[in-house]
Amino acid sequence: MRVFGVSFDDAQKNAAFRAKYGFPYPLLCDTERKLGLAFGACVDASDGYAARFTFVVSPTGVVERAIRTEDPGAQAAALLELLPRD
């Protein structure tokens, strides 16, 4: 499994945010809102912030689940319950 974060911030802001919170995964930059628009996390390219979602994408690129993130602190535990175990 691979994990990525995406935000509308630039690379410098994402790097600082990642370092501040010690995220072990990369944060991708969507400064033009292309992913946000494609995945429904924003409604317009001028939106300042994306809605928080977790997307589970298969190895073939199919979005298997889209989960609106209501509680970011509990999201990881909830997501682990949905994923198949080896």
C-alpha atoms as a PDB file:
ATOM      1  CA  MET A   1       0.000   0.000   0.000  1.00  0.00           C
ATOM      2  CA  ARG A   2       1.205   3.507  -0.785  1.00  0.00           C
ATOM      3  CA  VAL A   3      -0.034   6.665   0.890  1.00  0.00           C
ATOM      4  CA  PHE A   4       0.050  10.182  -0.531  1.00  0.00           C
ATOM      5  CA  GLY A   5      -1.340  13.454   0.703  1.00  0.00           C
ATOM      6  CA  VAL A   6      -2.480  16.195  -1.669  1.00  0.00           C
ATOM      7  CA  SER A   7      -3.074  19.866  -0.981  1.00  0.00           C
ATOM      8  CA  PHE A   8      -3.437  23.113  -2.859  1.00  0.00           C
ATOM      9  CA  ASP A   9      -0.252  24.445  -1.252  1.00  0.00           C
ATOM     10  CA  ASP A  10       3.056  24.820  -3.060  1.00  0.00           C
ATOM     11  CA  ALA A  11       6.049  22.525  -2.529  1.00  0.00           C
ATOM     12  CA  GLN A  12       7.657  24.739   0.127  1.00  0.00           C
ATOM     13  CA  LYS A  13       4.505  24.898   2.276  1.00  0.00           C
ATOM     14  CA  ASN A  14       3.895  21.160   1.877  1.00  0.00           C
ATOM     15  CA  ALA A  15       7.475  20.364   2.897  1.00  0.00           C
ATOM     16  CA  ALA A  16       7.138  22.518   6.022  1.00  0.00           C
ATOM     17  CA  PHE A  17       3.772  20.957   6.911  1.00  0.00           C
ATOM     18  CA  ARG A  18       5.134  17.437   6.390  1.00  0.00           C
ATOM     19  CA  ALA A  19       8.178  18.177   8.565  1.00  0.00           C
ATOM     20  CA  LYS A  20       6.075  19.811  11.305  1.00  0.00           C
ATOM     21  CA  TYR A  21       3.809  16.779  11.681  1.00  0.00           C
ATOM     22  CA  GLY A  22       6.371  14.102  10.780  1.00  0.00           C
ATOM     23  CA  PHE A  23       4.346  12.562   7.960  1.00  0.00           C
ATOM     24  CA  PRO A  24       6.125   9.489   6.570  1.00  0.00           C
ATOM     25  CA  TYR A  25       4.498   9.919   3.152  1.00  0.00           C
ATOM     26  CA  PRO A  26       4.853  12.504   0.385  1.00  0.00           C
ATOM     27  CA  LEU A  27       2.520  15.482   0.084  1.00  0.00           C
ATOM     28  CA  LEU A  28       1.698  16.280  -3.523  1.00  0.00           C
ATOM     29  CA  CYS A  29       0.949  19.791  -4.786  1.00  0.00           C
ATOM     30  CA  ASP A  30      -2.296  20.485  -6.620  1.00  0.00           C
ATOM     31  CA  THR A  31      -1.816  24.235  -7.002  1.00  0.00           C
ATOM     32  CA  GLU A  32      -3.975  24.317 -10.153  1.00  0.00           C
ATOM     33  CA  ARG A  33      -6.768  22.318  -8.434  1.00  0.00           C
ATOM     34  CA  LYS A  34      -6.831  19.690 -11.210  1.00  0.00           C
ATOM     35  CA  LEU A  35      -7.029  16.723  -8.824  1.00  0.00           C
ATOM     36  CA  GLY A  36      -9.372  18.577  -6.497  1.00  0.00           C
ATOM     37  CA  LEU A  37     -11.778  19.263  -9.341  1.00  0.00           C
ATOM     38  CA  ALA A  38     -11.485  15.773 -10.834  1.00  0.00           C
ATOM     39  CA  PHE A  39     -12.130  14.072  -7.481  1.00  0.00           C
ATOM     40  CA  GLY A  40     -14.829  16.470  -6.249  1.00  0.00           C
ATOM     41  CA  ALA A  41     -12.764  17.912  -3.405  1.00  0.00           C
ATOM     42  CA  CYS A  42     -13.483  21.425  -4.664  1.00  0.00           C
ATOM     43  CA  VAL A  43     -16.043  22.993  -6.965  1.00  0.00           C
ATOM     44  CA  ASP A  44     -13.978  25.745  -8.554  1.00  0.00           C
ATOM     45  CA  ALA A  45     -10.320  26.358  -9.381  1.00  0.00           C
ATOM     46  CA  SER A  46     -10.436  29.459  -7.189  1.00  0.00           C
ATOM     47  CA  ASP A  47     -11.354  27.489  -4.031  1.00  0.00           C
ATOM     48  CA  GLY A  48      -8.855  28.196  -1.269  1.00  0.00           C
ATOM     49  CA  TYR A  49      -9.098  24.793   0.401  1.00  0.00           C
ATOM     50  CA  ALA A  50     -10.080  21.301  -0.609  1.00  0.00           C
ATOM     51  CA  ALA A  51     -12.656  19.262   1.262  1.00  0.00           C
ATOM     52  CA  ARG A  52     -10.931  16.447   3.155  1.00  0.00           C
ATOM     53  CA  PHE A  53     -11.312  13.061   1.545  1.00  0.00           C
ATOM     54  CA  THR A  54      -9.560   9.726   1.641  1.00  0.00           C
ATOM     55  CA  PHE A  55      -9.487   7.843  -1.642  1.00  0.00           C
ATOM     56  CA  VAL A  56      -8.621   4.173  -1.849  1.00  0.00           C
ATOM     57  CA  VAL A  57      -7.200   3.535  -5.316  1.00  0.00           C
ATOM     58  CA  SER A  58      -6.510   0.044  -6.643  1.00  0.00           C
ATOM     59  CA  PRO A  59      -3.139  -0.898  -8.159  1.00  0.00           C
ATOM     60  CA  THR A  60      -4.806  -0.515 -11.579  1.00  0.00           C
ATOM     61  CA  GLY A  61      -5.867   3.068 -10.836  1.00  0.00           C
ATOM     62  CA  VAL A  62      -9.547   2.474 -10.067  1.00  0.00           C
ATOM     63  CA  VAL A  63     -11.018   4.520  -7.210  1.00  0.00           C
ATOM     64  CA  GLU A  64     -12.535   1.830  -5.006  1.00  0.00           C
ATOM     65  CA  ARG A  65     -13.702   4.088  -2.176  1.00  0.00           C
ATOM     66  CA  ALA A  66     -14.126   7.801  -1.571  1.00  0.00           C
ATOM     67  CA  ILE A  67     -14.502   8.625   2.107  1.00  0.00           C
ATOM     68  CA  ARG A  68     -15.303  12.119   3.351  1.00  0.00           C
ATOM     69  CA  THR A  69     -12.938  12.732   6.257  1.00  0.00           C
ATOM     70  CA  GLU A  70     -15.028  13.900   9.191  1.00  0.00           C
ATOM     71  CA  ASP A  71     -12.447  13.234  11.916  1.00  0.00           C
ATOM     72  CA  PRO A  72      -8.842  13.387  10.610  1.00  0.00           C
ATOM     73  CA  GLY A  73      -7.467  11.971  13.872  1.00  0.00           C
ATOM     74  CA  ALA A  74      -9.601   8.843  13.598  1.00  0.00           C
ATOM     75  CA  GLN A  75      -9.429   8.424   9.823  1.00  0.00           C
ATOM     76  CA  ALA A  76      -6.465   6.030   9.800  1.00  0.00           C
ATOM     77  CA  ALA A  77      -8.115   3.568  12.186  1.00  0.00           C
ATOM     78  CA  ALA A  78     -11.397   3.695  10.251  1.00  0.00           C
ATOM     79  CA  LEU A  79      -9.581   3.156   6.956  1.00  0.00           C
ATOM     80  CA  LEU A  80      -7.641   0.154   8.280  1.00  0.00           C
ATOM     81  CA  GLU A  81     -10.967  -1.512   9.083  1.00  0.00           C
ATOM     82  CA  LEU A  82     -11.984  -1.254   5.416  1.00  0.00           C
ATOM     83  CA  LEU A  83      -8.791  -2.574   3.859  1.00  0.00           C
ATOM     84  CA  PRO A  84      -8.239  -6.276   3.208  1.00  0.00           C
ATOM     85  CA  ARG A  85      -5.654  -7.973   5.374  1.00  0.00           C
ATOM     86  CA  ASP A  86      -2.991 -10.258   3.932  1.00  0.00           C
END
